[in-house]
PDB file of N, CA and C in Angstrom:
ATOM      1  N   MET A   1       0.876  -1.126  -0.008  1.00  0.00           N
ATOM      2  CA  MET A   1       0.018  -0.013   0.021  1.00  0.00           C
ATOM      3  C   MET A   1       0.843   1.224   0.058  1.00  0.00           C
ATOM      4  N   LYS A   2       0.580   2.227  -0.840  1.00  0.00           N
ATOM      5  CA  LYS A   2       1.271   3.446  -0.953  1.00  0.00           C
ATOM      6  C   LYS A   2       1.132   4.281   0.406  1.00  0.00           C
ATOM      7  N   GLU A   3       2.144   5.027   0.856  1.00  0.00           N
ATOM      8  CA  GLU A   3       2.059   5.898   1.950  1.00  0.00           C
ATOM      9  C   GLU A   3       1.307   7.161   1.446  1.00  0.00           C
ATOM     10  N   GLU A   4       0.265   7.584   2.147  1.00  0.00           N
ATOM     11  CA  GLU A   4      -0.428   8.899   1.914  1.00  0.00           C
ATOM     12  C   GLU A   4       0.539  10.043   2.118  1.00  0.00           C
ATOM     13  N   PHE A   5       0.483  10.938   0.953  1.00  0.00           N
ATOM     14  CA  PHE A   5       1.332  12.198   1.141  1.00  0.00           C
ATOM     15  C   PHE A   5       0.752  13.098   2.183  1.00  0.00           C
ATOM     16  N   LYS A   6       1.422  13.550   3.028  1.00  0.00           N
ATOM     17  CA  LYS A   6       1.011  14.583   4.086  1.00  0.00           C
ATOM     18  C   LYS A   6       1.787  15.903   3.901  1.00  0.00           C
ATOM     19  N   PRO A   7       1.124  17.042   3.659  1.00  0.00           N
ATOM     20  CA  PRO A   7       1.965  18.242   3.542  1.00  0.00           C
ATOM     21  C   PRO A   7       2.634  18.524   4.787  1.00  0.00           C
ATOM     22  N   TYR A   8       3.666  19.320   4.588  1.00  0.00           N
ATOM     23  CA  TYR A   8       4.475  19.824   5.661  1.00  0.00           C
ATOM     24  C   TYR A   8       3.647  20.584   6.661  1.00  0.00           C
ATOM     25  N   ARG A   9       2.831  21.377   6.026  1.00  0.00           N
ATOM     26  CA  ARG A   9       2.089  22.293   6.886  1.00  0.00           C
ATOM     27  C   ARG A   9       0.928  22.839   5.985  1.00  0.00           C
ATOM     28  N   SER A  10      -0.331  22.979   6.536  1.00  0.00           N
ATOM     29  CA  SER A  10      -1.389  23.629   5.901  1.00  0.00           C
ATOM     30  C   SER A  10      -1.783  25.000   6.669  1.00  0.00           C
ATOM     31  N   VAL A  11      -1.764  26.090   6.138  1.00  0.00           N
ATOM     32  CA  VAL A  11      -2.011  27.380   6.735  1.00  0.00           C
ATOM     33  C   VAL A  11      -3.249  27.954   6.172  1.00  0.00           C
ATOM     34  N   GLU A  12      -4.324  28.097   6.999  1.00  0.00           N
ATOM     35  CA  GLU A  12      -5.521  28.758   6.638  1.00  0.00           C
ATOM     36  C   GLU A  12      -5.207  30.178   6.580  1.00  0.00           C
ATOM     37  N   LYS A  13      -5.799  30.956   5.445  1.00  0.00           N
ATOM     38  CA  LYS A  13      -5.575  32.391   5.354  1.00  0.00           C
ATOM     39  C   LYS A  13      -7.077  32.941   5.255  1.00  0.00           C
ATOM     40  N   PRO A  14      -7.260  34.274   5.368  1.00  0.00           N
ATOM     41  CA  PRO A  14      -8.516  34.846   5.171  1.00  0.00           C
ATOM     42  C   PRO A  14      -9.057  34.720   3.727  1.00  0.00           C
ATOM     43  N   TRP A  15      -8.055  34.615   2.814  1.00  0.00           N
ATOM     44  CA  TRP A  15      -8.430  34.547   1.338  1.00  0.00           C
ATOM     45  C   TRP A  15      -8.337  33.126   0.781  1.00  0.00           C
ATOM     46  N   GLY A  16      -7.947  32.204   1.698  1.00  0.00           N
ATOM     47  CA  GLY A  16      -7.908  30.814   1.090  1.00  0.00           C
ATOM     48  C   GLY A  16      -6.938  30.007   1.987  1.00  0.00           C
ATOM     49  N   ARG A  17      -5.996  29.346   1.363  1.00  0.00           N
ATOM     50  CA  ARG A  17      -4.945  28.546   2.300  1.00  0.00           C
ATOM     51  C   ARG A  17      -3.543  28.361   1.416  1.00  0.00           C
ATOM     52  N   GLU A  18      -2.600  28.025   2.165  1.00  0.00           N
ATOM     53  CA  GLU A  18      -1.318  27.665   1.698  1.00  0.00           C
ATOM     54  C   GLU A  18      -1.035  26.243   2.180  1.00  0.00           C
ATOM     55  N   VAL A  19      -0.639  25.417   1.256  1.00  0.00           N
ATOM     56  CA  VAL A  19      -0.165  24.043   1.717  1.00  0.00           C
ATOM     57  C   VAL A  19       1.352  23.933   1.310  1.00  0.00           C
ATOM     58  N   TRP A  20       2.039  23.905   2.337  1.00  0.00           N
ATOM     59  CA  TRP A  20       3.521  23.921   2.341  1.00  0.00           C
ATOM     60  C   TRP A  20       4.022  22.584   1.944  1.00  0.00           C
ATOM     61  N   CYS A  21       4.441  22.340   0.797  1.00  0.00           N
ATOM     62  CA  CYS A  21       4.804  21.047   0.266  1.00  0.00           C
ATOM     63  C   CYS A  21       6.313  20.624   0.595  1.00  0.00           C
ATOM     64  N   ALA A  22       7.005  21.657   0.781  1.00  0.00           N
ATOM     65  CA  ALA A  22       8.455  21.484   1.192  1.00  0.00           C
ATOM     66  C   ALA A  22       9.060  22.757   1.813  1.00  0.00           C
ATOM     67  N   LEU A  23       9.850  22.552   2.817  1.00  0.00           N
ATOM     68  CA  LEU A  23      10.681  23.653   3.420  1.00  0.00           C
ATOM     69  C   LEU A  23      11.968  22.950   3.717  1.00  0.00           C
ATOM     70  N   THR A  24      13.023  23.283   2.963  1.00  0.00           N
ATOM     71  CA  THR A  24      14.298  22.667   3.191  1.00  0.00           C
ATOM     72  C   THR A  24      15.314  23.804   3.551  1.00  0.00           C
ATOM     73  N   ASP A  25      16.502  23.466   3.661  1.00  0.00           N
ATOM     74  CA  ASP A  25      17.556  24.454   3.846  1.00  0.00           C
ATOM     75  C   ASP A  25      17.782  25.466   2.757  1.00  0.00           C
ATOM     76  N   GLU A  26      17.364  25.024   1.561  1.00  0.00           N
ATOM     77  CA  GLU A  26      17.512  25.751   0.328  1.00  0.00           C
ATOM     78  C   GLU A  26      16.379  26.348  -0.421  1.00  0.00           C
ATOM     79  N   TYR A  27      15.167  25.839  -0.039  1.00  0.00           N
ATOM     80  CA  TYR A  27      13.947  26.436  -0.829  1.00  0.00           C
ATOM     81  C   TYR A  27      12.651  26.083  -0.033  1.00  0.00           C
ATOM     82  N   CYS A  28      11.561  26.734  -0.463  1.00  0.00           N
ATOM     83  CA  CYS A  28      10.247  26.493   0.045  1.00  0.00           C
ATOM     84  C   CYS A  28       9.334  26.260  -1.111  1.00  0.00           C
ATOM     85  N   LEU A  29       8.410  25.333  -1.083  1.00  0.00           N
ATOM     86  CA  LEU A  29       7.525  25.097  -2.181  1.00  0.00           C
ATOM     87  C   LEU A  29       6.135  25.084  -1.697  1.00  0.00           C
ATOM     88  N   LYS A  30       5.133  25.897  -2.101  1.00  0.00           N
ATOM     89  CA  LYS A  30       3.873  25.970  -1.571  1.00  0.00           C
ATOM     90  C   LYS A  30       2.756  25.845  -2.655  1.00  0.00           C
ATOM     91  N   LEU A  31       1.690  25.104  -2.314  1.00  0.00           N
ATOM     92  CA  LEU A  31       0.454  25.304  -3.219  1.00  0.00           C
ATOM     93  C   LEU A  31      -0.402  26.286  -2.594  1.00  0.00           C
ATOM     94  N   ILE A  32      -0.800  27.302  -3.226  1.00  0.00           N
ATOM     95  CA  ILE A  32      -1.760  28.360  -2.814  1.00  0.00           C
ATOM     96  C   ILE A  32      -3.094  28.431  -3.501  1.00  0.00           C
ATOM     97  N   GLU A  33      -4.118  28.491  -2.623  1.00  0.00           N
ATOM     98  CA  GLU A  33      -5.437  28.666  -3.189  1.00  0.00           C
ATOM     99  C   GLU A  33      -6.029  29.969  -2.671  1.00  0.00           C
ATOM    100  N   ILE A  34      -6.504  30.653  -3.604  1.00  0.00           N
ATOM    101  CA  ILE A  34      -7.141  31.998  -3.391  1.00  0.00           C
ATOM    102  C   ILE A  34      -8.530  31.965  -3.892  1.00  0.00           C
ATOM    103  N   LYS A  35      -9.549  32.150  -3.039  1.00  0.00           N
ATOM    104  CA  LYS A  35     -10.974  32.123  -3.468  1.00  0.00           C
ATOM    105  C   LYS A  35     -11.395  33.382  -4.176  1.00  0.00           C
ATOM    106  N   LYS A  36     -12.320  33.055  -5.179  1.00  0.00           N
ATOM    107  CA  LYS A  36     -12.765  34.155  -6.011  1.00  0.00           C
ATOM    108  C   LYS A  36     -13.218  35.331  -5.192  1.00  0.00           C
ATOM    109  N   GLY A  37     -12.749  36.597  -5.629  1.00  0.00           N
ATOM    110  CA  GLY A  37     -13.204  37.809  -4.968  1.00  0.00           C
ATOM    111  C   GLY A  37     -12.273  38.194  -3.757  1.00  0.00           C
ATOM    112  N   PHE A  38     -11.373  37.378  -3.386  1.00  0.00           N
ATOM    113  CA  PHE A  38     -10.391  37.691  -2.334  1.00  0.00           C
ATOM    114  C   PHE A  38      -9.079  38.153  -2.900  1.00  0.00           C
ATOM    115  N   VAL A  39      -8.326  38.903  -1.998  1.00  0.00           N
ATOM    116  CA  VAL A  39      -7.067  39.501  -2.391  1.00  0.00           C
ATOM    117  C   VAL A  39      -6.038  39.298  -1.329  1.00  0.00           C
ATOM    118  N   THR A  40      -4.795  39.060  -1.627  1.00  0.00           N
ATOM    119  CA  THR A  40      -3.718  39.109  -0.728  1.00  0.00           C
ATOM    120  C   THR A  40      -3.328  40.515  -0.309  1.00  0.00           C
ATOM    121  N   SER A  41      -2.482  40.543   0.726  1.00  0.00           N
ATOM    122  CA  SER A  41      -1.883  41.823   1.054  1.00  0.00           C
ATOM    123  C   SER A  41      -1.149  42.470   0.043  1.00  0.00           C
ATOM    124  N   LEU A  42      -1.164  43.826   0.107  1.00  0.00           N
ATOM    125  CA  LEU A  42      -0.088  44.560  -0.762  1.00  0.00           C
ATOM    126  C   LEU A  42       1.165  44.477   0.003  1.00  0.00           C
ATOM    127  N   GLN A  43       2.112  43.778  -0.510  1.00  0.00           N
ATOM    128  CA  GLN A  43       3.288  43.475   0.385  1.00  0.00           C
ATOM    129  C   GLN A  43       4.624  43.508  -0.458  1.00  0.00           C
ATOM    130  N   TYR A  44       5.606  43.327   0.266  1.00  0.00           N
ATOM    131  CA  TYR A  44       6.972  43.001  -0.287  1.00  0.00           C
ATOM    132  C   TYR A  44       7.786  42.238   0.673  1.00  0.00           C
ATOM    133  N   HIS A  45       9.041  41.827   0.225  1.00  0.00           N
ATOM    134  CA  HIS A  45       9.869  41.049   0.994  1.00  0.00           C
ATOM    135  C   HIS A  45      11.272  41.696   1.011  1.00  0.00           C
ATOM    136  N   GLU A  46      11.997  41.661   2.175  1.00  0.00           N
ATOM    137  CA  GLU A  46      13.305  42.164   2.252  1.00  0.00           C
ATOM    138  C   GLU A  46      14.353  41.123   1.995  1.00  0.00           C
ATOM    139  N   LYS A  47      14.063  39.875   2.033  1.00  0.00           N
ATOM    140  CA  LYS A  47      15.020  38.829   1.848  1.00  0.00           C
ATOM    141  C   LYS A  47      14.480  37.745   0.874  1.00  0.00           C
ATOM    142  N   LYS A  48      13.213  37.540   0.960  1.00  0.00           N
ATOM    143  CA  LYS A  48      12.659  36.477   0.251  1.00  0.00           C
ATOM    144  C   LYS A  48      12.395  36.721  -1.241  1.00  0.00           C
ATOM    145  N   ARG A  49      12.811  35.828  -2.175  1.00  0.00           N
ATOM    146  CA  ARG A  49      12.466  35.800  -3.519  1.00  0.00           C
ATOM    147  C   ARG A  49      11.627  34.743  -3.912  1.00  0.00           C
ATOM    148  N   GLU A  50      10.523  35.117  -4.702  1.00  0.00           N
ATOM    149  CA  GLU A  50       9.671  33.996  -5.029  1.00  0.00           C
ATOM    150  C   GLU A  50       9.314  34.031  -6.450  1.00  0.00           C
ATOM    151  N   THR A  51       8.773  32.800  -6.971  1.00  0.00           N
ATOM    152  CA  THR A  51       8.370  32.709  -8.364  1.00  0.00           C
ATOM    153  C   THR A  51       7.067  31.883  -8.252  1.00  0.00           C
ATOM    154  N   THR A  52       5.954  32.416  -8.850  1.00  0.00           N
ATOM    155  CA  THR A  52       4.618  31.887  -8.690  1.00  0.00           C
ATOM    156  C   THR A  52       4.221  31.436 -10.109  1.00  0.00           C
ATOM    157  N   VAL A  53       3.564  30.281 -10.292  1.00  0.00           N
ATOM    158  CA  VAL A  53       3.053  29.821 -11.523  1.00  0.00           C
ATOM    159  C   VAL A  53       1.512  29.609 -11.278  1.00  0.00           C
ATOM    160  N   ILE A  54       0.613  30.220 -12.104  1.00  0.00           N
ATOM    161  CA  ILE A  54      -0.812  30.045 -11.889  1.00  0.00           C
ATOM    162  C   ILE A  54      -1.126  28.684 -12.638  1.00  0.00           C
ATOM    163  N   HIS A  55      -1.695  27.912 -11.864  1.00  0.00           N
ATOM    164  CA  HIS A  55      -2.152  26.437 -12.291  1.00  0.00           C
ATOM    165  C   HIS A  55      -3.544  26.584 -12.960  1.00  0.00           C
ATOM    166  N   SER A  56      -4.461  27.273 -12.194  1.00  0.00           N
ATOM    167  CA  SER A  56      -5.826  27.316 -12.675  1.00  0.00           C
ATOM    168  C   SER A  56      -6.421  28.644 -12.129  1.00  0.00           C
ATOM    169  N   GLY A  57      -7.445  29.184 -12.832  1.00  0.00           N
ATOM    170  CA  GLY A  57      -8.010  30.401 -12.554  1.00  0.00           C
ATOM    171  C   GLY A  57      -7.487  31.609 -13.051  1.00  0.00           C
ATOM    172  N   ARG A  58      -8.193  32.884 -12.828  1.00  0.00           N
ATOM    173  CA  ARG A  58      -7.566  34.073 -13.307  1.00  0.00           C
ATOM    174  C   ARG A  58      -7.360  34.988 -12.184  1.00  0.00           C
ATOM    175  N   ALA A  59      -6.373  35.865 -12.337  1.00  0.00           N
ATOM    176  CA  ALA A  59      -6.028  36.725 -11.268  1.00  0.00           C
ATOM    177  C   ALA A  59      -5.684  38.123 -11.904  1.00  0.00           C
ATOM    178  N   LEU A  60      -5.828  39.204 -11.001  1.00  0.00           N
ATOM    179  CA  LEU A  60      -5.321  40.583 -11.268  1.00  0.00           C
ATOM    180  C   LEU A  60      -4.152  40.718 -10.440  1.00  0.00           C
ATOM    181  N   VAL A  61      -3.060  40.949 -10.971  1.00  0.00           N
ATOM    182  CA  VAL A  61      -1.749  41.061 -10.390  1.00  0.00           C
ATOM    183  C   VAL A  61      -1.394  42.586 -10.337  1.00  0.00           C
ATOM    184  N   THR A  62      -1.153  43.128  -9.146  1.00  0.00           N
ATOM    185  CA  THR A  62      -0.761  44.509  -8.937  1.00  0.00           C
ATOM    186  C   THR A  62       0.721  44.436  -8.624  1.00  0.00           C
ATOM    187  N   LEU A  63       1.538  45.238  -9.246  1.00  0.00           N
ATOM    188  CA  LEU A  63       2.999  45.138  -9.148  1.00  0.00           C
ATOM    189  C   LEU A  63       3.641  46.432  -9.337  1.00  0.00           C
ATOM    190  N   LYS A  64       4.599  46.605  -8.357  1.00  0.00           N
ATOM    191  CA  LYS A  64       5.462  47.860  -8.480  1.00  0.00           C
ATOM    192  C   LYS A  64       6.913  47.207  -8.293  1.00  0.00           C
ATOM    193  N   ARG A  65       7.632  47.196  -9.339  1.00  0.00           N
ATOM    194  CA  ARG A  65       9.144  46.662  -9.249  1.00  0.00           C
ATOM    195  C   ARG A  65       9.914  47.540  -8.322  1.00  0.00           C
ATOM    196  N   ALA A  66      10.767  46.939  -7.656  1.00  0.00           N
ATOM    197  CA  ALA A  66      11.853  47.751  -6.728  1.00  0.00           C
ATOM    198  C   ALA A  66      12.452  48.867  -7.627  1.00  0.00           C
ATOM    199  N   GLY A  67      12.456  49.907  -7.065  1.00  0.00           N
ATOM    200  CA  GLY A  67      13.110  51.109  -7.847  1.00  0.00           C
ATOM    201  C   GLY A  67      12.153  51.851  -8.680  1.00  0.00           C
ATOM    202  N   GLU A  68      10.979  51.409  -8.996  1.00  0.00           N
ATOM    203  CA  GLU A  68      10.004  52.038  -9.939  1.00  0.00           C
ATOM    204  C   GLU A  68       9.018  52.787  -9.031  1.00  0.00           C
ATOM    205  N   THR A  69       8.385  53.796  -9.629  1.00  0.00           N
ATOM    206  CA  THR A  69       7.508  54.817  -8.967  1.00  0.00           C
ATOM    207  C   THR A  69       6.058  54.486  -9.230  1.00  0.00           C
ATOM    208  N   LYS A  70       5.670  53.695 -10.190  1.00  0.00           N
ATOM    209  CA  LYS A  70       4.320  53.479 -10.592  1.00  0.00           C
ATOM    210  C   LYS A  70       3.994  52.087 -10.538  1.00  0.00           C
ATOM    211  N   TYR A  71       2.711  51.773 -10.080  1.00  0.00           N
ATOM    212  CA  TYR A  71       2.117  50.297 -10.096  1.00  0.00           C
ATOM    213  C   TYR A  71       1.623  50.054 -11.554  1.00  0.00           C
ATOM    214  N   SER A  72       1.779  48.689 -11.861  1.00  0.00           N
ATOM    215  CA  SER A  72       1.170  48.143 -13.053  1.00  0.00           C
ATOM    216  C   SER A  72       0.136  46.980 -12.592  1.00  0.00           C
ATOM    217  N   GLN A  73      -0.841  46.785 -13.491  1.00  0.00           N
ATOM    218  CA  GLN A  73      -1.685  45.694 -13.284  1.00  0.00           C
ATOM    219  C   GLN A  73      -1.741  44.844 -14.436  1.00  0.00           C
ATOM    220  N   TYR A  74      -1.833  43.503 -14.151  1.00  0.00           N
ATOM    221  CA  TYR A  74      -1.860  42.451 -15.304  1.00  0.00           C
ATOM    222  C   TYR A  74      -2.837  41.511 -14.964  1.00  0.00           C
ATOM    223  N   GLU A  75      -3.794  41.109 -15.960  1.00  0.00           N
ATOM    224  CA  GLU A  75      -4.655  39.963 -15.739  1.00  0.00           C
ATOM    225  C   GLU A  75      -3.975  38.756 -16.379  1.00  0.00           C
ATOM    226  N   VAL A  76      -3.856  37.658 -15.414  1.00  0.00           N
ATOM    227  CA  VAL A  76      -3.130  36.481 -15.789  1.00  0.00           C
ATOM    228  C   VAL A  76      -4.053  35.251 -15.642  1.00  0.00           C
ATOM    229  N   GLY A  77      -3.577  34.272 -16.331  1.00  0.00           N
ATOM    230  CA  GLY A  77      -4.284  32.897 -16.107  1.00  0.00           C
ATOM    231  C   GLY A  77      -3.391  31.833 -16.165  1.00  0.00           C
ATOM    232  N   PRO A  78      -3.807  30.544 -16.417  1.00  0.00           N
ATOM    233  CA  PRO A  78      -3.089  29.362 -16.249  1.00  0.00           C
ATOM    234  C   PRO A  78      -1.777  29.469 -17.081  1.00  0.00           C
ATOM    235  N   GLY A  79      -0.693  29.059 -16.389  1.00  0.00           N
ATOM    236  CA  GLY A  79       0.563  29.059 -17.123  1.00  0.00           C
ATOM    237  C   GLY A  79       1.434  30.337 -16.937  1.00  0.00           C
ATOM    238  N   ALA A  80       0.678  31.401 -16.416  1.00  0.00           N
ATOM    239  CA  ALA A  80       1.459  32.665 -16.196  1.00  0.00           C
ATOM    240  C   ALA A  80       2.418  32.432 -15.021  1.00  0.00           C
ATOM    241  N   ILE A  81       3.583  33.084 -15.254  1.00  0.00           N
ATOM    242  CA  ILE A  81       4.652  32.986 -14.223  1.00  0.00           C
ATOM    243  C   ILE A  81       4.986  34.465 -13.757  1.00  0.00           C
ATOM    244  N   ILE A  82       4.895  34.503 -12.535  1.00  0.00           N
ATOM    245  CA  ILE A  82       5.046  35.755 -11.762  1.00  0.00           C
ATOM    246  C   ILE A  82       6.371  35.738 -10.893  1.00  0.00           C
ATOM    247  N   ASP A  83       7.424  36.398 -11.381  1.00  0.00           N
ATOM    248  CA  ASP A  83       8.681  36.324 -10.791  1.00  0.00           C
ATOM    249  C   ASP A  83       8.894  37.537  -9.936  1.00  0.00           C
ATOM    250  N   LEU A  84       9.203  37.394  -8.614  1.00  0.00           N
ATOM    251  CA  LEU A  84       9.182  38.409  -7.730  1.00  0.00           C
ATOM    252  C   LEU A  84      10.613  38.639  -6.895  1.00  0.00           C
ATOM    253  N   PRO A  85      11.501  39.428  -7.485  1.00  0.00           N
ATOM    254  CA  PRO A  85      12.744  39.562  -6.737  1.00  0.00           C
ATOM    255  C   PRO A  85      12.450  40.348  -5.488  1.00  0.00           C
ATOM    256  N   VAL A  86      13.363  40.328  -4.592  1.00  0.00           N
ATOM    257  CA  VAL A  86      13.305  41.047  -3.409  1.00  0.00           C
ATOM    258  C   VAL A  86      12.966  42.484  -3.568  1.00  0.00           C
ATOM    259  N   GLY A  87      12.040  43.071  -2.719  1.00  0.00           N
ATOM    260  CA  GLY A  87      11.700  44.433  -2.935  1.00  0.00           C
ATOM    261  C   GLY A  87      10.441  44.811  -3.895  1.00  0.00           C
ATOM    262  N   ASP A  88      10.129  43.790  -4.624  1.00  0.00           N
ATOM    263  CA  ASP A  88       9.000  44.230  -5.465  1.00  0.00           C
ATOM    264  C   ASP A  88       7.737  44.160  -4.672  1.00  0.00           C
ATOM    265  N   ILE A  89       6.843  45.184  -4.765  1.00  0.00           N
ATOM    266  CA  ILE A  89       5.624  45.234  -4.054  1.00  0.00           C
ATOM    267  C   ILE A  89       4.482  44.571  -4.968  1.00  0.00           C
ATOM    268  N   HIS A  90       3.762  43.660  -4.334  1.00  0.00           N
ATOM    269  CA  HIS A  90       2.841  42.972  -5.127  1.00  0.00           C
ATOM    270  C   HIS A  90       1.534  42.557  -4.296  1.00  0.00           C
ATOM    271  N   ARG A  91       0.489  42.302  -5.121  1.00  0.00           N
ATOM    272  CA  ARG A  91      -0.765  41.865  -4.549  1.00  0.00           C
ATOM    273  C   ARG A  91      -1.418  40.987  -5.604  1.00  0.00           C
ATOM    274  N   ILE A  92      -2.156  39.917  -5.186  1.00  0.00           N
ATOM    275  CA  ILE A  92      -2.944  39.040  -6.127  1.00  0.00           C
ATOM    276  C   ILE A  92      -4.377  39.024  -5.731  1.00  0.00           C
ATOM    277  N   GLU A  93      -5.218  39.398  -6.677  1.00  0.00           N
ATOM    278  CA  GLU A  93      -6.545  39.372  -6.523  1.00  0.00           C
ATOM    279  C   GLU A  93      -7.236  38.293  -7.326  1.00  0.00           C
ATOM    280  N   ALA A  94      -8.083  37.358  -6.814  1.00  0.00           N
ATOM    281  CA  ALA A  94      -8.589  36.242  -7.513  1.00  0.00           C
ATOM    282  C   ALA A  94      -9.922  36.677  -8.332  1.00  0.00           C
ATOM    283  N   LEU A  95      -9.827  36.676  -9.565  1.00  0.00           N
ATOM    284  CA  LEU A  95     -10.945  36.940 -10.344  1.00  0.00           C
ATOM    285  C   LEU A  95     -11.867  35.764 -10.503  1.00  0.00           C
ATOM    286  N   GLU A  96     -11.268  34.598 -10.398  1.00  0.00           N
ATOM    287  CA  GLU A  96     -11.753  33.209 -10.316  1.00  0.00           C
ATOM    288  C   GLU A  96     -11.164  32.587  -9.122  1.00  0.00           C
ATOM    289  N   ASP A  97     -11.653  31.484  -8.716  1.00  0.00           N
ATOM    290  CA  ASP A  97     -10.855  30.553  -7.767  1.00  0.00           C
ATOM    291  C   ASP A  97      -9.434  30.299  -8.373  1.00  0.00           C
ATOM    292  N   ILE A  98      -8.357  30.494  -7.677  1.00  0.00           N
ATOM    293  CA  ILE A  98      -7.064  30.271  -8.212  1.00  0.00           C
ATOM    294  C   ILE A  98      -6.287  29.151  -7.443  1.00  0.00           C
ATOM    295  N   VAL A  99      -5.638  28.349  -8.128  1.00  0.00           N
ATOM    296  CA  VAL A  99      -4.571  27.416  -7.624  1.00  0.00           C
ATOM    297  C   VAL A  99      -3.196  27.831  -8.254  1.00  0.00           C
ATOM    298  N   MET A 100      -2.281  28.069  -7.402  1.00  0.00           N
ATOM    299  CA  MET A 100      -0.940  28.379  -7.952  1.00  0.00           C
ATOM    300  C   MET A 100       0.122  27.777  -7.104  1.00  0.00           C
ATOM    301  N   TYR A 101       1.262  27.661  -7.678  1.00  0.00           N
ATOM    302  CA  TYR A 101       2.355  27.163  -7.040  1.00  0.00           C
ATOM    303  C   TYR A 101       3.481  28.226  -6.760  1.00  0.00           C
ATOM    304  N   GLU A 102       4.055  28.302  -5.494  1.00  0.00           N
ATOM    305  CA  GLU A 102       5.126  29.259  -5.273  1.00  0.00           C
ATOM    306  C   GLU A 102       6.446  28.524  -4.813  1.00  0.00           C
ATOM    307  N   ALA A 103       7.463  28.916  -5.536  1.00  0.00           N
ATOM    308  CA  ALA A 103       8.765  28.420  -5.114  1.00  0.00           C
ATOM    309  C   ALA A 103       9.510  29.591  -4.728  1.00  0.00           C
ATOM    310  N   SER A 104      10.170  29.484  -3.517  1.00  0.00           N
ATOM    311  CA  SER A 104      10.906  30.679  -3.034  1.00  0.00           C
ATOM    312  C   SER A 104      12.071  30.267  -2.114  1.00  0.00           C
ATOM    313  N   THR A 105      12.776  31.289  -1.765  1.00  0.00           N
ATOM    314  CA  THR A 105      13.825  31.093  -0.858  1.00  0.00           C
ATOM    315  C   THR A 105      13.232  30.775   0.632  1.00  0.00           C
ATOM    316  N   ILE A 106      13.982  30.433   1.606  1.00  0.00           N
ATOM    317  CA  ILE A 106      13.546  29.921   2.834  1.00  0.00           C
ATOM    318  C   ILE A 106      12.967  30.931   3.740  1.00  0.00           C
ATOM    319  N   HIS A 107      12.982  32.250   3.456  1.00  0.00           N
ATOM    320  CA  HIS A 107      12.539  33.330   4.288  1.00  0.00           C
ATOM    321  C   HIS A 107      11.136  33.463   4.478  1.00  0.00           C
ATOM    322  N   VAL A 108      10.429  32.360   4.990  1.00  0.00           N
ATOM    323  CA  VAL A 108       8.927  32.351   4.986  1.00  0.00           C
ATOM    324  C   VAL A 108       8.265  33.315   5.729  1.00  0.00           C
ATOM    325  N   ASP A 109       8.928  33.973   6.880  1.00  0.00           N
ATOM    326  CA  ASP A 109       8.358  34.908   7.807  1.00  0.00           C
ATOM    327  C   ASP A 109       8.624  36.347   7.219  1.00  0.00           C
ATOM    328  N   ASP A 110       9.304  36.499   6.085  1.00  0.00           N
ATOM    329  CA  ASP A 110       9.708  37.846   5.621  1.00  0.00           C
ATOM    330  C   ASP A 110       8.578  38.346   4.715  1.00  0.00           C
ATOM    331  N   VAL A 111       7.672  39.047   5.365  1.00  0.00           N
ATOM    332  CA  VAL A 111       6.578  39.760   4.707  1.00  0.00           C
ATOM    333  C   VAL A 111       6.399  41.108   5.336  1.00  0.00           C
ATOM    334  N   VAL A 112       6.368  42.227   4.626  1.00  0.00           N
ATOM    335  CA  VAL A 112       5.995  43.583   5.042  1.00  0.00           C
ATOM    336  C   VAL A 112       4.719  43.920   4.364  1.00  0.00           C
ATOM    337  N   ARG A 113       3.655  44.009   5.127  1.00  0.00           N
ATOM    338  CA  ARG A 113       2.314  44.289   4.646  1.00  0.00           C
ATOM    339  C   ARG A 113       2.095  45.789   4.734  1.00  0.00           C
ATOM    340  N   LEU A 114       1.957  46.368   3.446  1.00  0.00           N
ATOM    341  CA  LEU A 114       1.634  47.910   3.281  1.00  0.00           C
ATOM    342  C   LEU A 114       0.068  48.014   3.433  1.00  0.00           C
ATOM    343  N   GLU A 115      -0.774  47.153   2.962  1.00  0.00           N
ATOM    344  CA  GLU A 115      -2.153  47.179   2.914  1.00  0.00           C
ATOM    345  C   GLU A 115      -2.654  45.863   3.171  1.00  0.00           C
ATOM    346  N   ASP A 116      -3.772  45.637   3.905  1.00  0.00           N
ATOM    347  CA  ASP A 116      -4.432  44.357   4.067  1.00  0.00           C
ATOM    348  C   ASP A 116      -6.004  44.536   4.433  1.00  0.00           C
ATOM    349  N   SER A 117      -6.630  43.736   3.654  1.00  0.00           N
ATOM    350  CA  SER A 117      -8.182  43.908   3.813  1.00  0.00           C
ATOM    351  C   SER A 117      -8.592  43.056   5.005  1.00  0.00           C
ATOM    352  N   TYR A 118      -7.806  42.441   5.730  1.00  0.00           N
ATOM    353  CA  TYR A 118      -8.078  41.589   6.907  1.00  0.00           C
ATOM    354  C   TYR A 118      -7.453  42.049   8.162  1.00  0.00           C
ATOM    355  N   GLY A 119      -7.077  43.291   8.289  1.00  0.00           N
ATOM    356  CA  GLY A 119      -6.545  43.770   9.503  1.00  0.00           C
ATOM    357  C   GLY A 119      -5.123  43.393   9.855  1.00  0.00           C
ATOM    358  N   ARG A 120      -4.456  42.956   8.853  1.00  0.00           N
ATOM    359  CA  ARG A 120      -2.986  42.428   9.197  1.00  0.00           C
ATOM    360  C   ARG A 120      -1.921  43.397   8.693  1.00  0.00           C
ATOM    361  N   ALA A 121      -2.243  44.574   8.271  1.00  0.00           N
ATOM    362  CA  ALA A 121      -1.200  45.493   7.738  1.00  0.00           C
ATOM    363  C   ALA A 121      -0.269  45.747   8.935  1.00  0.00           C
ATOM    364  N   GLY A 122       1.091  45.774   8.567  1.00  0.00           N
ATOM    365  CA  GLY A 122       2.131  46.083   9.482  1.00  0.00           C
ATOM    366  C   GLY A 122       2.498  44.865  10.267  1.00  0.00           C
ATOM    367  N   THR A 123       1.976  43.672   9.998  1.00  0.00           N
ATOM    368  CA  THR A 123       2.338  42.415  10.682  1.00  0.00           C
ATOM    369  C   THR A 123       3.141  41.522   9.724  1.00  0.00           C
ATOM    370  N   SER A 124       3.945  40.588  10.278  1.00  0.00           N
ATOM    371  CA  SER A 124       4.595  39.652   9.359  1.00  0.00           C
ATOM    372  C   SER A 124       4.015  38.288   9.655  1.00  0.00           C
ATOM    373  N   GLU A 125       2.960  38.161  10.292  1.00  0.00           N
ATOM    374  CA  GLU A 125       2.362  36.805  10.632  1.00  0.00           C
ATOM    375  C   GLU A 125       2.231  35.929   9.402  1.00  0.00           C
ATOM    376  N   VAL A 126       2.658  34.644   9.435  1.00  0.00           N
ATOM    377  CA  VAL A 126       2.677  33.760   8.351  1.00  0.00           C
ATOM    378  C   VAL A 126       1.265  33.390   8.077  1.00  0.00           C
TER     379      VAL A 126
END
């Protein structure tokens, strides 16, 4: 009989959940689900670099690259890759239910929330 896969950790969020698939000395891999109509914090990272791939659903990505003065918005769908170097300010709004994968550095507590619809601005809670 095959051993059932158990995620490293499942973290409920106001907008959905994160399933931590791996957290090693070198990288973190998460499956992230965002419910339609919900939005992540407007945030950036001081150490963490992440790359996200949209598996299913559509999203509105708000992005201000480090060193830039203006925000851009992009509507993305399955197969879209969102690469976020340190310092990029970003937010993801689910236009449909979203499933995405995030690979990042191991700095999982490194989040600076500038705005948050759920009262978490200014916190770094995972």
